[in-house]
Structures are given as C-alpha cells and as structure tokens.
Amino acid sequence: QPTSFTRAFSDAFTSATASILNVCGIVLFFYIGARLLTLPPLLAGIFEMTTGVASTINPLLIQFFITFGGLSVAMQQQIFMQTFQIKFCTYLAYKITHAILACGLLTIYLCFFN
C-alpha cells in the first residue's frame, strides 16, 4: 500500500533527526573524552581523528588518523551498519589495514617524489 507524502516526510524527518543526534552524541563523547584524558597525539588520533590531527605535524600520523578515522568514526559507522551484521573487530581490522597501507603509499611518495 502506497504511503502518503506527509507520512513519508514525517518518517524521513524523524529518522534523519535521530541519526543526527546519534552522530553528534558520539562525536561529542569521543572529542570530550580525548580532551579530558589529555592523551598523547597517537592515542588521541586513534580515539578521535580531529584531536589527533590537530595535535601533530607529522605527515604519516596525519595520514594514519585521516584514513583510520578514529574510534569515533568507527562507532558512527557501526550505528548505520548494524543491519549488515559485520563484526566490529573485523571492521576495525580493515580500517587499520587501510590506514597502514595509506601510510605506506605516502612514505613511497615522500621518498621518491618529494
């Protein structure tokens, strides 16, 4: 049975609002946690990407933080991927592998093209 426009709009608005609140809550939790714990740059970047990037000038660490995204981004993505039944540890291993490979490519670039 077709859904009316007003019902579909209301459902979409409710879902979008809940999603925004989830993402903002996770970002705030990890950002405040990283700030309160006064973590060293490596741990801060693993915990929350923007805190780690802001605390270092090392291009390899910045590359790692951006491609890994931090636990904050991983938790945000897990909220939306719950229906796919992907284990968090498996997902995290892929993100870490991606970050390490990106750092390797950046190292090659910096050695040969810089």
PDB file of N, CA and C in Angstrom:
ATOM      1  N   GLN A   1       0.832  -1.179   0.000  1.00  0.00           N
ATOM      2  CA  GLN A   1       0.000   0.000   0.000  1.00  0.00           C
ATOM      3  C   GLN A   1       0.881   1.249   0.000  1.00  0.00           C
ATOM      4  N   PRO A   2       0.604   2.174  -0.918  1.00  0.00           N
ATOM      5  CA  PRO A   2       1.400   3.398  -1.000  1.00  0.00           C
ATOM      6  C   PRO A   2       1.262   4.247   0.275  1.00  0.00           C
ATOM      7  N   THR A   3       2.356   4.878   0.633  1.00  0.00           N
ATOM      8  CA  THR A   3       2.375   5.747   1.798  1.00  0.00           C
ATOM      9  C   THR A   3       2.137   7.183   1.351  1.00  0.00           C
ATOM     10  N   SER A   4       1.400   7.934   2.158  1.00  0.00           N
ATOM     11  CA  SER A   4       1.137   9.327   1.803  1.00  0.00           C
ATOM     12  C   SER A   4       2.417  10.149   1.934  1.00  0.00           C
ATOM     13  N   PHE A   5       2.436  11.259   1.233  1.00  0.00           N
ATOM     14  CA  PHE A   5       3.608  12.127   1.263  1.00  0.00           C
ATOM     15  C   PHE A   5       3.893  12.627   2.673  1.00  0.00           C
ATOM     16  N   THR A   6       2.858  13.051   3.368  1.00  0.00           N
ATOM     17  CA  THR A   6       3.060  13.601   4.707  1.00  0.00           C
ATOM     18  C   THR A   6       3.600  12.539   5.663  1.00  0.00           C
ATOM     19  N   ARG A   7       3.132  11.310   5.534  1.00  0.00           N
ATOM     20  CA  ARG A   7       3.629  10.225   6.396  1.00  0.00           C
ATOM     21  C   ARG A   7       5.094   9.915   6.062  1.00  0.00           C
ATOM     22  N   ALA A   8       5.409   9.825   4.767  1.00  0.00           N
ATOM     23  CA  ALA A   8       6.789   9.549   4.348  1.00  0.00           C
ATOM     24  C   ALA A   8       7.720  10.673   4.790  1.00  0.00           C
ATOM     25  N   PHE A   9       7.278  11.923   4.650  1.00  0.00           N
ATOM     26  CA  PHE A   9       8.095  13.060   5.066  1.00  0.00           C
ATOM     27  C   PHE A   9       8.324  13.038   6.572  1.00  0.00           C
ATOM     28  N   SER A  10       7.289  12.769   7.316  1.00  0.00           N
ATOM     29  CA  SER A  10       7.396  12.705   8.772  1.00  0.00           C
ATOM     30  C   SER A  10       8.348  11.594   9.218  1.00  0.00           C
ATOM     31  N   ASP A  11       8.236  10.427   8.598  1.00  0.00           N
ATOM     32  CA  ASP A  11       9.133   9.313   8.926  1.00  0.00           C
ATOM     33  C   ASP A  11      10.585   9.640   8.581  1.00  0.00           C
ATOM     34  N   ALA A  12      10.794  10.249   7.420  1.00  0.00           N
ATOM     35  CA  ALA A  12      12.146  10.611   6.995  1.00  0.00           C
ATOM     36  C   ALA A  12      12.739  11.669   7.918  1.00  0.00           C
ATOM     37  N   PHE A  13      11.935  12.636   8.313  1.00  0.00           N
ATOM     38  CA  PHE A  13      12.405  13.686   9.205  1.00  0.00           C
ATOM     39  C   PHE A  13      12.762  13.117  10.579  1.00  0.00           C
ATOM     40  N   THR A  14      11.938  12.244  11.094  1.00  0.00           N
ATOM     41  CA  THR A  14      12.200  11.612  12.389  1.00  0.00           C
ATOM     42  C   THR A  14      13.466  10.774  12.338  1.00  0.00           C
ATOM     43  N   SER A  15      13.635  10.005  11.278  1.00  0.00           N
ATOM     44  CA  SER A  15      14.821   9.169  11.121  1.00  0.00           C
ATOM     45  C   SER A  15      16.089  10.024  10.980  1.00  0.00           C
ATOM     46  N   ALA A  16      16.013  11.082  10.195  1.00  0.00           N
ATOM     47  CA  ALA A  16      17.176  11.959   9.997  1.00  0.00           C
ATOM     48  C   ALA A  16      17.560  12.656  11.295  1.00  0.00           C
ATOM     49  N   THR A  17      16.580  13.095  12.052  1.00  0.00           N
ATOM     50  CA  THR A  17      16.857  13.757  13.326  1.00  0.00           C
ATOM     51  C   THR A  17      17.525  12.795  14.304  1.00  0.00           C
ATOM     52  N   ALA A  18      17.037  11.574  14.381  1.00  0.00           N
ATOM     53  CA  ALA A  18      17.645  10.569  15.264  1.00  0.00           C
ATOM     54  C   ALA A  18      19.074  10.269  14.832  1.00  0.00           C
ATOM     55  N   SER A  19      19.314  10.186  13.525  1.00  0.00           N
ATOM     56  CA  SER A  19      20.661   9.925  13.018  1.00  0.00           C
ATOM     57  C   SER A  19      21.615  11.062  13.373  1.00  0.00           C
ATOM     58  N   ILE A  20      21.156  12.288  13.208  1.00  0.00           N
ATOM     59  CA  ILE A  20      21.991  13.450  13.535  1.00  0.00           C
ATOM     60  C   ILE A  20      22.328  13.453  15.019  1.00  0.00           C
ATOM     61  N   LEU A  21      21.364  13.161  15.856  1.00  0.00           N
ATOM     62  CA  LEU A  21      21.614  13.133  17.304  1.00  0.00           C
ATOM     63  C   LEU A  21      22.593  12.022  17.674  1.00  0.00           C
ATOM     64  N   ASN A  22      22.473  10.872  17.039  1.00  0.00           N
ATOM     65  CA  ASN A  22      23.416   9.780  17.295  1.00  0.00           C
ATOM     66  C   ASN A  22      24.837  10.179  16.929  1.00  0.00           C
ATOM     67  N   VAL A  23      25.019  10.734  15.739  1.00  0.00           N
ATOM     68  CA  VAL A  23      26.347  11.122  15.274  1.00  0.00           C
ATOM     69  C   VAL A  23      26.920  12.220  16.160  1.00  0.00           C
ATOM     70  N   CYS A  24      26.140  13.242  16.445  1.00  0.00           N
ATOM     71  CA  CYS A  24      26.631  14.336  17.291  1.00  0.00           C
ATOM     72  C   CYS A  24      26.972  13.853  18.693  1.00  0.00           C
ATOM     73  N   GLY A  25      26.168  12.962  19.240  1.00  0.00           N
ATOM     74  CA  GLY A  25      26.452  12.418  20.560  1.00  0.00           C
ATOM     75  C   GLY A  25      27.762  11.653  20.604  1.00  0.00           C
ATOM     76  N   ILE A  26      28.003  10.847  19.582  1.00  0.00           N
ATOM     77  CA  ILE A  26      29.250  10.074  19.534  1.00  0.00           C
ATOM     78  C   ILE A  26      30.452  11.001  19.354  1.00  0.00           C
ATOM     79  N   VAL A  27      30.334  11.983  18.466  1.00  0.00           N
ATOM     80  CA  VAL A  27      31.429  12.925  18.249  1.00  0.00           C
ATOM     81  C   VAL A  27      31.746  13.654  19.546  1.00  0.00           C
ATOM     82  N   LEU A  28      30.744  14.147  20.230  1.00  0.00           N
ATOM     83  CA  LEU A  28      30.976  14.862  21.483  1.00  0.00           C
ATOM     84  C   LEU A  28      31.593  13.957  22.544  1.00  0.00           C
ATOM     85  N   PHE A  29      31.098  12.737  22.653  1.00  0.00           N
ATOM     86  CA  PHE A  29      31.630  11.804  23.646  1.00  0.00           C
ATOM     87  C   PHE A  29      33.121  11.564  23.427  1.00  0.00           C
ATOM     88  N   PHE A  30      33.514  11.254  22.212  1.00  0.00           N
ATOM     89  CA  PHE A  30      34.916  10.956  21.928  1.00  0.00           C
ATOM     90  C   PHE A  30      35.788  12.207  21.959  1.00  0.00           C
ATOM     91  N   TYR A  31      35.286  13.331  21.480  1.00  0.00           N
ATOM     92  CA  TYR A  31      36.070  14.572  21.497  1.00  0.00           C
ATOM     93  C   TYR A  31      36.337  15.011  22.934  1.00  0.00           C
ATOM     94  N   ILE A  32      35.296  15.027  23.740  1.00  0.00           N
ATOM     95  CA  ILE A  32      35.466  15.430  25.140  1.00  0.00           C
ATOM     96  C   ILE A  32      36.327  14.419  25.882  1.00  0.00           C
ATOM     97  N   GLY A  33      36.124  13.139  25.601  1.00  0.00           N
ATOM     98  CA  GLY A  33      36.956  12.112  26.232  1.00  0.00           C
ATOM     99  C   GLY A  33      38.423  12.276  25.901  1.00  0.00           C
ATOM    100  N   ALA A  34      38.723  12.545  24.640  1.00  0.00           N
ATOM    101  CA  ALA A  34      40.121  12.727  24.228  1.00  0.00           C
ATOM    102  C   ALA A  34      40.714  13.978  24.867  1.00  0.00           C
ATOM    103  N   ARG A  35      39.930  15.019  24.995  1.00  0.00           N
ATOM    104  CA  ARG A  35      40.419  16.255  25.610  1.00  0.00           C
ATOM    105  C   ARG A  35      40.621  16.090  27.118  1.00  0.00           C
ATOM    106  N   LEU A  36      39.676  15.446  27.779  1.00  0.00           N
ATOM    107  CA  LEU A  36      39.771  15.290  29.235  1.00  0.00           C
ATOM    108  C   LEU A  36      40.913  14.366  29.652  1.00  0.00           C
ATOM    109  N   LEU A  37      41.157  13.341  28.852  1.00  0.00           N
ATOM    110  CA  LEU A  37      42.204  12.389  29.198  1.00  0.00           C
ATOM    111  C   LEU A  37      43.597  12.909  28.858  1.00  0.00           C
ATOM    112  N   THR A  38      43.671  14.019  28.144  1.00  0.00           N
ATOM    113  CA  THR A  38      44.945  14.594  27.675  1.00  0.00           C
ATOM    114  C   THR A  38      45.897  13.499  27.167  1.00  0.00           C
ATOM    115  N   LEU A  39      45.434  12.822  26.147  1.00  0.00           N
ATOM    116  CA  LEU A  39      46.184  11.718  25.559  1.00  0.00           C
ATOM    117  C   LEU A  39      47.331  12.225  24.701  1.00  0.00           C
ATOM    118  N   PRO A  40      48.395  11.423  24.556  1.00  0.00           N
ATOM    119  CA  PRO A  40      49.443  11.790  23.596  1.00  0.00           C
ATOM    120  C   PRO A  40      48.871  11.754  22.173  1.00  0.00           C
ATOM    121  N   PRO A  41      49.519  12.438  21.222  1.00  0.00           N
ATOM    122  CA  PRO A  41      48.952  12.559  19.873  1.00  0.00           C
ATOM    123  C   PRO A  41      48.530  11.235  19.232  1.00  0.00           C
ATOM    124  N   LEU A  42      49.329  10.180  19.379  1.00  0.00           N
ATOM    125  CA  LEU A  42      48.973   8.918  18.745  1.00  0.00           C
ATOM    126  C   LEU A  42      47.681   8.357  19.310  1.00  0.00           C
ATOM    127  N   LEU A  43      47.548   8.333  20.605  1.00  0.00           N
ATOM    128  CA  LEU A  43      46.324   7.814  21.216  1.00  0.00           C
ATOM    129  C   LEU A  43      45.136   8.735  20.977  1.00  0.00           C
ATOM    130  N   ALA A  44      45.383  10.041  20.987  1.00  0.00           N
ATOM    131  CA  ALA A  44      44.302  10.995  20.727  1.00  0.00           C
ATOM    132  C   ALA A  44      43.743  10.800  19.318  1.00  0.00           C
ATOM    133  N   GLY A  45      44.621  10.569  18.351  1.00  0.00           N
ATOM    134  CA  GLY A  45      44.181  10.360  16.974  1.00  0.00           C
ATOM    135  C   GLY A  45      43.453   9.047  16.783  1.00  0.00           C
ATOM    136  N   ILE A  46      43.840   8.030  17.532  1.00  0.00           N
ATOM    137  CA  ILE A  46      43.131   6.750  17.458  1.00  0.00           C
ATOM    138  C   ILE A  46      41.758   6.884  18.094  1.00  0.00           C
ATOM    139  N   PHE A  47      41.676   7.668  19.135  1.00  0.00           N
ATOM    140  CA  PHE A  47      40.424   7.876  19.843  1.00  0.00           C
ATOM    141  C   PHE A  47      39.481   8.766  19.030  1.00  0.00           C
ATOM    142  N   GLU A  48      40.001   9.897  18.555  1.00  0.00           N
ATOM    143  CA  GLU A  48      39.187  10.858  17.817  1.00  0.00           C
ATOM    144  C   GLU A  48      40.078  11.560  16.796  1.00  0.00           C
ATOM    145  N   MET A  49      39.741  11.460  15.536  1.00  0.00           N
ATOM    146  CA  MET A  49      40.597  11.888  14.437  1.00  0.00           C
ATOM    147  C   MET A  49      40.999  13.360  14.507  1.00  0.00           C
ATOM    148  N   THR A  50      40.068  14.267  14.677  1.00  0.00           N
ATOM    149  CA  THR A  50      40.404  15.684  14.605  1.00  0.00           C
ATOM    150  C   THR A  50      41.315  16.119  15.752  1.00  0.00           C
ATOM    151  N   THR A  51      41.147  15.508  16.907  1.00  0.00           N
ATOM    152  CA  THR A  51      42.031  15.823  18.032  1.00  0.00           C
ATOM    153  C   THR A  51      43.453  15.384  17.714  1.00  0.00           C
ATOM    154  N   GLY A  52      43.612  14.208  17.113  1.00  0.00           N
ATOM    155  CA  GLY A  52      44.933  13.710  16.757  1.00  0.00           C
ATOM    156  C   GLY A  52      45.590  14.536  15.670  1.00  0.00           C
ATOM    157  N   VAL A  53      44.819  14.902  14.653  1.00  0.00           N
ATOM    158  CA  VAL A  53      45.371  15.699  13.553  1.00  0.00           C
ATOM    159  C   VAL A  53      45.801  17.070  14.057  1.00  0.00           C
ATOM    160  N   ALA A  54      45.022  17.652  14.952  1.00  0.00           N
ATOM    161  CA  ALA A  54      45.345  18.975  15.481  1.00  0.00           C
ATOM    162  C   ALA A  54      46.560  18.956  16.407  1.00  0.00           C
ATOM    163  N   SER A  55      46.914  17.772  16.899  1.00  0.00           N
ATOM    164  CA  SER A  55      47.993  17.714  17.886  1.00  0.00           C
ATOM    165  C   SER A  55      49.346  17.292  17.297  1.00  0.00           C
ATOM    166  N   THR A  56      49.438  17.133  15.985  1.00  0.00           N
ATOM    167  CA  THR A  56      50.702  16.707  15.391  1.00  0.00           C
ATOM    168  C   THR A  56      50.943  17.395  14.054  1.00  0.00           C
ATOM    169  N   ILE A  57      52.217  17.421  13.653  1.00  0.00           N
ATOM    170  CA  ILE A  57      52.552  17.929  12.316  1.00  0.00           C
ATOM    171  C   ILE A  57      53.212  16.832  11.475  1.00  0.00           C
ATOM    172  N   ASN A  58      53.310  15.638  12.024  1.00  0.00           N
ATOM    173  CA  ASN A  58      53.919  14.513  11.320  1.00  0.00           C
ATOM    174  C   ASN A  58      52.978  14.048  10.200  1.00  0.00           C
ATOM    175  N   PRO A  59      53.410  14.124   8.928  1.00  0.00           N
ATOM    176  CA  PRO A  59      52.509  13.759   7.824  1.00  0.00           C
ATOM    177  C   PRO A  59      52.049  12.302   7.866  1.00  0.00           C
ATOM    178  N   LEU A  60      52.895  11.392   8.350  1.00  0.00           N
ATOM    179  CA  LEU A  60      52.479   9.986   8.421  1.00  0.00           C
ATOM    180  C   LEU A  60      51.389   9.786   9.477  1.00  0.00           C
ATOM    181  N   LEU A  61      51.521  10.454  10.604  1.00  0.00           N
ATOM    182  CA  LEU A  61      50.471  10.352  11.619  1.00  0.00           C
ATOM    183  C   LEU A  61      49.168  10.980  11.128  1.00  0.00           C
ATOM    184  N   ILE A  62      49.279  12.111  10.465  1.00  0.00           N
ATOM    185  CA  ILE A  62      48.076  12.759   9.922  1.00  0.00           C
ATOM    186  C   ILE A  62      47.404  11.844   8.903  1.00  0.00           C
ATOM    187  N   GLN A  63      48.206  11.230   8.031  1.00  0.00           N
ATOM    188  CA  GLN A  63      47.668  10.283   7.047  1.00  0.00           C
ATOM    189  C   GLN A  63      46.963   9.124   7.751  1.00  0.00           C
ATOM    190  N   PHE A  64      47.596   8.581   8.781  1.00  0.00           N
ATOM    191  CA  PHE A  64      47.000   7.458   9.516  1.00  0.00           C
ATOM    192  C   PHE A  64      45.687   7.879  10.158  1.00  0.00           C
ATOM    193  N   PHE A  65      45.673   9.030  10.824  1.00  0.00           N
ATOM    194  CA  PHE A  65      44.457   9.475  11.509  1.00  0.00           C
ATOM    195  C   PHE A  65      43.310   9.711  10.540  1.00  0.00           C
ATOM    196  N   ILE A  66      43.607  10.324   9.403  1.00  0.00           N
ATOM    197  CA  ILE A  66      42.544  10.633   8.445  1.00  0.00           C
ATOM    198  C   ILE A  66      41.992   9.362   7.800  1.00  0.00           C
ATOM    199  N   THR A  67      42.868   8.441   7.425  1.00  0.00           N
ATOM    200  CA  THR A  67      42.366   7.222   6.771  1.00  0.00           C
ATOM    201  C   THR A  67      41.741   6.258   7.768  1.00  0.00           C
ATOM    202  N   PHE A  68      42.242   6.220   8.988  1.00  0.00           N
ATOM    203  CA  PHE A  68      41.627   5.368  10.012  1.00  0.00           C
ATOM    204  C   PHE A  68      40.329   5.992  10.501  1.00  0.00           C
ATOM    205  N   GLY A  69      40.345   7.264  10.747  1.00  0.00           N
ATOM    206  CA  GLY A  69      39.131   7.956  11.157  1.00  0.00           C
ATOM    207  C   GLY A  69      38.915   8.003  12.656  1.00  0.00           C
ATOM    208  N   GLY A  70      39.587   7.166  13.407  1.00  0.00           N
ATOM    209  CA  GLY A  70      39.405   7.132  14.849  1.00  0.00           C
ATOM    210  C   GLY A  70      38.255   6.245  15.275  1.00  0.00           C
ATOM    211  N   LEU A  71      38.240   5.929  16.544  1.00  0.00           N
ATOM    212  CA  LEU A  71      37.162   5.098  17.087  1.00  0.00           C
ATOM    213  C   LEU A  71      35.823   5.825  17.016  1.00  0.00           C
ATOM    214  N   SER A  72      35.869   7.146  17.054  1.00  0.00           N
ATOM    215  CA  SER A  72      34.644   7.930  16.946  1.00  0.00           C
ATOM    216  C   SER A  72      33.925   7.662  15.624  1.00  0.00           C
ATOM    217  N   VAL A  73      34.671   7.726  14.539  1.00  0.00           N
ATOM    218  CA  VAL A  73      34.079   7.477  13.214  1.00  0.00           C
ATOM    219  C   VAL A  73      33.643   6.016  13.087  1.00  0.00           C
ATOM    220  N   ALA A  74      34.438   5.102  13.620  1.00  0.00           N
ATOM    221  CA  ALA A  74      34.076   3.679  13.558  1.00  0.00           C
ATOM    222  C   ALA A  74      32.762   3.421  14.281  1.00  0.00           C
ATOM    223  N   MET A  75      32.569   4.057  15.425  1.00  0.00           N
ATOM    224  CA  MET A  75      31.318   3.880  16.158  1.00  0.00           C
ATOM    225  C   MET A  75      30.145   4.513  15.415  1.00  0.00           C
ATOM    226  N   GLN A  76      30.381   5.664  14.786  1.00  0.00           N
ATOM    227  CA  GLN A  76      29.325   6.289  13.993  1.00  0.00           C
ATOM    228  C   GLN A  76      28.895   5.370  12.852  1.00  0.00           C
ATOM    229  N   GLN A  77      29.881   4.779  12.189  1.00  0.00           N
ATOM    230  CA  GLN A  77      29.566   3.904  11.065  1.00  0.00           C
ATOM    231  C   GLN A  77      28.866   2.637  11.529  1.00  0.00           C
ATOM    232  N   GLN A  78      29.218   2.141  12.698  1.00  0.00           N
ATOM    233  CA  GLN A  78      28.586   0.928  13.214  1.00  0.00           C
ATOM    234  C   GLN A  78      27.095   1.128  13.462  1.00  0.00           C
ATOM    235  N   ILE A  79      26.714   2.327  13.857  1.00  0.00           N
ATOM    236  CA  ILE A  79      25.290   2.606  14.075  1.00  0.00           C
ATOM    237  C   ILE A  79      24.499   2.365  12.794  1.00  0.00           C
ATOM    238  N   PHE A  80      25.055   2.804  11.681  1.00  0.00           N
ATOM    239  CA  PHE A  80      24.339   2.687  10.415  1.00  0.00           C
ATOM    240  C   PHE A  80      24.534   1.327   9.747  1.00  0.00           C
ATOM    241  N   MET A  81      25.522   0.548  10.183  1.00  0.00           N
ATOM    242  CA  MET A  81      25.794  -0.754   9.558  1.00  0.00           C
ATOM    243  C   MET A  81      25.310  -1.928  10.400  1.00  0.00           C
ATOM    244  N   GLN A  82      24.520  -1.689  11.428  1.00  0.00           N
ATOM    245  CA  GLN A  82      24.069  -2.763  12.302  1.00  0.00           C
ATOM    246  C   GLN A  82      23.286  -3.838  11.546  1.00  0.00           C
ATOM    247  N   THR A  83      22.552  -3.447  10.545  1.00  0.00           N
ATOM    248  CA  THR A  83      21.738  -4.415   9.815  1.00  0.00           C
ATOM    249  C   THR A  83      22.563  -5.326   8.911  1.00  0.00           C
ATOM    250  N   PHE A  84      23.824  -4.961   8.646  1.00  0.00           N
ATOM    251  CA  PHE A  84      24.663  -5.773   7.762  1.00  0.00           C
ATOM    252  C   PHE A  84      25.388  -6.898   8.486  1.00  0.00           C
ATOM    253  N   GLN A  85      25.315  -6.931   9.800  1.00  0.00           N
ATOM    254  CA  GLN A  85      25.901  -7.988  10.613  1.00  0.00           C
ATOM    255  C   GLN A  85      27.406  -8.141  10.381  1.00  0.00           C
ATOM    256  N   ILE A  86      28.095  -7.018  10.319  1.00  0.00           N
ATOM    257  CA  ILE A  86      29.547  -7.016  10.215  1.00  0.00           C
ATOM    258  C   ILE A  86      30.099  -6.884  11.625  1.00  0.00           C
ATOM    259  N   LYS A  87      30.999  -7.769  11.995  1.00  0.00           N
ATOM    260  CA  LYS A  87      31.575  -7.712  13.332  1.00  0.00           C
ATOM    261  C   LYS A  87      32.446  -6.475  13.454  1.00  0.00           C
ATOM    262  N   PHE A  88      32.360  -5.813  14.599  1.00  0.00           N
ATOM    263  CA  PHE A  88      33.103  -4.578  14.818  1.00  0.00           C
ATOM    264  C   PHE A  88      34.604  -4.819  14.749  1.00  0.00           C
ATOM    265  N   CYS A  89      35.074  -5.932  15.303  1.00  0.00           N
ATOM    266  CA  CYS A  89      36.518  -6.226  15.280  1.00  0.00           C
ATOM    267  C   CYS A  89      37.016  -6.423  13.848  1.00  0.00           C
ATOM    268  N   THR A  90      36.242  -7.089  13.027  1.00  0.00           N
ATOM    269  CA  THR A  90      36.610  -7.281  11.623  1.00  0.00           C
ATOM    270  C   THR A  90      36.653  -5.940  10.900  1.00  0.00           C
ATOM    271  N   TYR A  91      35.643  -5.136  11.130  1.00  0.00           N
ATOM    272  CA  TYR A  91      35.577  -3.809  10.518  1.00  0.00           C
ATOM    273  C   TYR A  91      36.770  -2.955  10.953  1.00  0.00           C
ATOM    274  N   LEU A  92      37.091  -2.999  12.231  1.00  0.00           N
ATOM    275  CA  LEU A  92      38.216  -2.227  12.755  1.00  0.00           C
ATOM    276  C   LEU A  92      39.537  -2.704  12.160  1.00  0.00           C
ATOM    277  N   ALA A  93      39.680  -4.012  11.976  1.00  0.00           N
ATOM    278  CA  ALA A  93      40.895  -4.547  11.366  1.00  0.00           C
ATOM    279  C   ALA A  93      41.053  -4.039   9.927  1.00  0.00           C
ATOM    280  N   TYR A  94      39.956  -3.968   9.187  1.00  0.00           N
ATOM    281  CA  TYR A  94      40.021  -3.438   7.823  1.00  0.00           C
ATOM    282  C   TYR A  94      40.398  -1.954   7.822  1.00  0.00           C
ATOM    283  N   LYS A  95      39.856  -1.193   8.760  1.00  0.00           N
ATOM    284  CA  LYS A  95      40.186   0.231   8.832  1.00  0.00           C
ATOM    285  C   LYS A  95      41.660   0.434   9.185  1.00  0.00           C
ATOM    286  N   ILE A  96      42.183  -0.353  10.096  1.00  0.00           N
ATOM    287  CA  ILE A  96      43.593  -0.243  10.471  1.00  0.00           C
ATOM    288  C   ILE A  96      44.487  -0.636   9.294  1.00  0.00           C
ATOM    289  N   THR A  97      44.109  -1.715   8.600  1.00  0.00           N
ATOM    290  CA  THR A  97      44.867  -2.144   7.420  1.00  0.00           C
ATOM    291  C   THR A  97      44.873  -1.044   6.360  1.00  0.00           C
ATOM    292  N   HIS A  98      43.737  -0.436   6.139  1.00  0.00           N
ATOM    293  CA  HIS A  98      43.631   0.652   5.172  1.00  0.00           C
ATOM    294  C   HIS A  98      44.543   1.805   5.568  1.00  0.00           C
ATOM    295  N   ALA A  99      44.565   2.158   6.838  1.00  0.00           N
ATOM    296  CA  ALA A  99      45.404   3.261   7.312  1.00  0.00           C
ATOM    297  C   ALA A  99      46.888   2.936   7.152  1.00  0.00           C
ATOM    298  N   ILE A 100      47.272   1.705   7.452  1.00  0.00           N
ATOM    299  CA  ILE A 100      48.680   1.309   7.310  1.00  0.00           C
ATOM    300  C   ILE A 100      49.103   1.338   5.840  1.00  0.00           C
ATOM    301  N   LEU A 101      48.248   0.827   4.956  1.00  0.00           N
ATOM    302  CA  LEU A 101      48.565   0.863   3.523  1.00  0.00           C
ATOM    303  C   LEU A 101      48.673   2.298   3.008  1.00  0.00           C
ATOM    304  N   ALA A 102      47.787   3.166   3.464  1.00  0.00           N
ATOM    305  CA  ALA A 102      47.843   4.570   3.052  1.00  0.00           C
ATOM    306  C   ALA A 102      49.140   5.219   3.528  1.00  0.00           C
ATOM    307  N   CYS A 103      49.581   4.889   4.735  1.00  0.00           N
ATOM    308  CA  CYS A 103      50.851   5.425   5.239  1.00  0.00           C
ATOM    309  C   CYS A 103      52.030   4.889   4.422  1.00  0.00           C
ATOM    310  N   GLY A 104      51.951   3.633   4.022  1.00  0.00           N
ATOM    311  CA  GLY A 104      52.997   3.064   3.175  1.00  0.00           C
ATOM    312  C   GLY A 104      53.075   3.771   1.840  1.00  0.00           C
ATOM    313  N   LEU A 105      51.931   4.039   1.229  1.00  0.00           N
ATOM    314  CA  LEU A 105      51.916   4.760  -0.045  1.00  0.00           C
ATOM    315  C   LEU A 105      52.434   6.185   0.113  1.00  0.00           C
ATOM    316  N   LEU A 106      52.083   6.827   1.224  1.00  0.00           N
ATOM    317  CA  LEU A 106      52.588   8.174   1.464  1.00  0.00           C
ATOM    318  C   LEU A 106      54.105   8.154   1.663  1.00  0.00           C
ATOM    319  N   THR A 107      54.616   7.138   2.340  1.00  0.00           N
ATOM    320  CA  THR A 107      56.062   7.011   2.534  1.00  0.00           C
ATOM    321  C   THR A 107      56.768   6.877   1.190  1.00  0.00           C
ATOM    322  N   ILE A 108      56.239   6.040   0.314  1.00  0.00           N
ATOM    323  CA  ILE A 108      56.815   5.888  -1.023  1.00  0.00           C
ATOM    324  C   ILE A 108      56.775   7.216  -1.770  1.00  0.00           C
ATOM    325  N   TYR A 109      55.660   7.893  -1.697  1.00  0.00           N
ATOM    326  CA  TYR A 109      55.538   9.188  -2.368  1.00  0.00           C
ATOM    327  C   TYR A 109      56.567  10.181  -1.829  1.00  0.00           C
ATOM    328  N   LEU A 110      56.676  10.263  -0.504  1.00  0.00           N
ATOM    329  CA  LEU A 110      57.607  11.227   0.082  1.00  0.00           C
ATOM    330  C   LEU A 110      59.063  10.894  -0.231  1.00  0.00           C
ATOM    331  N   CYS A 111      59.383   9.600  -0.345  1.00  0.00           N
ATOM    332  CA  CYS A 111      60.768   9.195  -0.646  1.00  0.00           C
ATOM    333  C   CYS A 111      61.158   9.478  -2.090  1.00  0.00           C
ATOM    334  N   PHE A 112      60.239   9.247  -3.028  1.00  0.00           N
ATOM    335  CA  PHE A 112      60.600   9.317  -4.430  1.00  0.00           C
ATOM    336  C   PHE A 112      60.130  10.577  -5.158  1.00  0.00           C
ATOM    337  N   PHE A 113      59.089  11.193  -4.695  1.00  0.00           N
ATOM    338  CA  PHE A 113      58.514  12.313  -5.448  1.00  0.00           C
ATOM    339  C   PHE A 113      58.580  13.636  -4.711  1.00  0.00           C
ATOM    340  N   ASN A 114      59.202  13.665  -3.578  1.00  0.00           N
ATOM    341  CA  ASN A 114      59.238  14.911  -2.816  1.00  0.00           C
ATOM    342  C   ASN A 114      60.606  15.552  -2.897  1.00  0.00           C
TER     343      ASN A 114
END
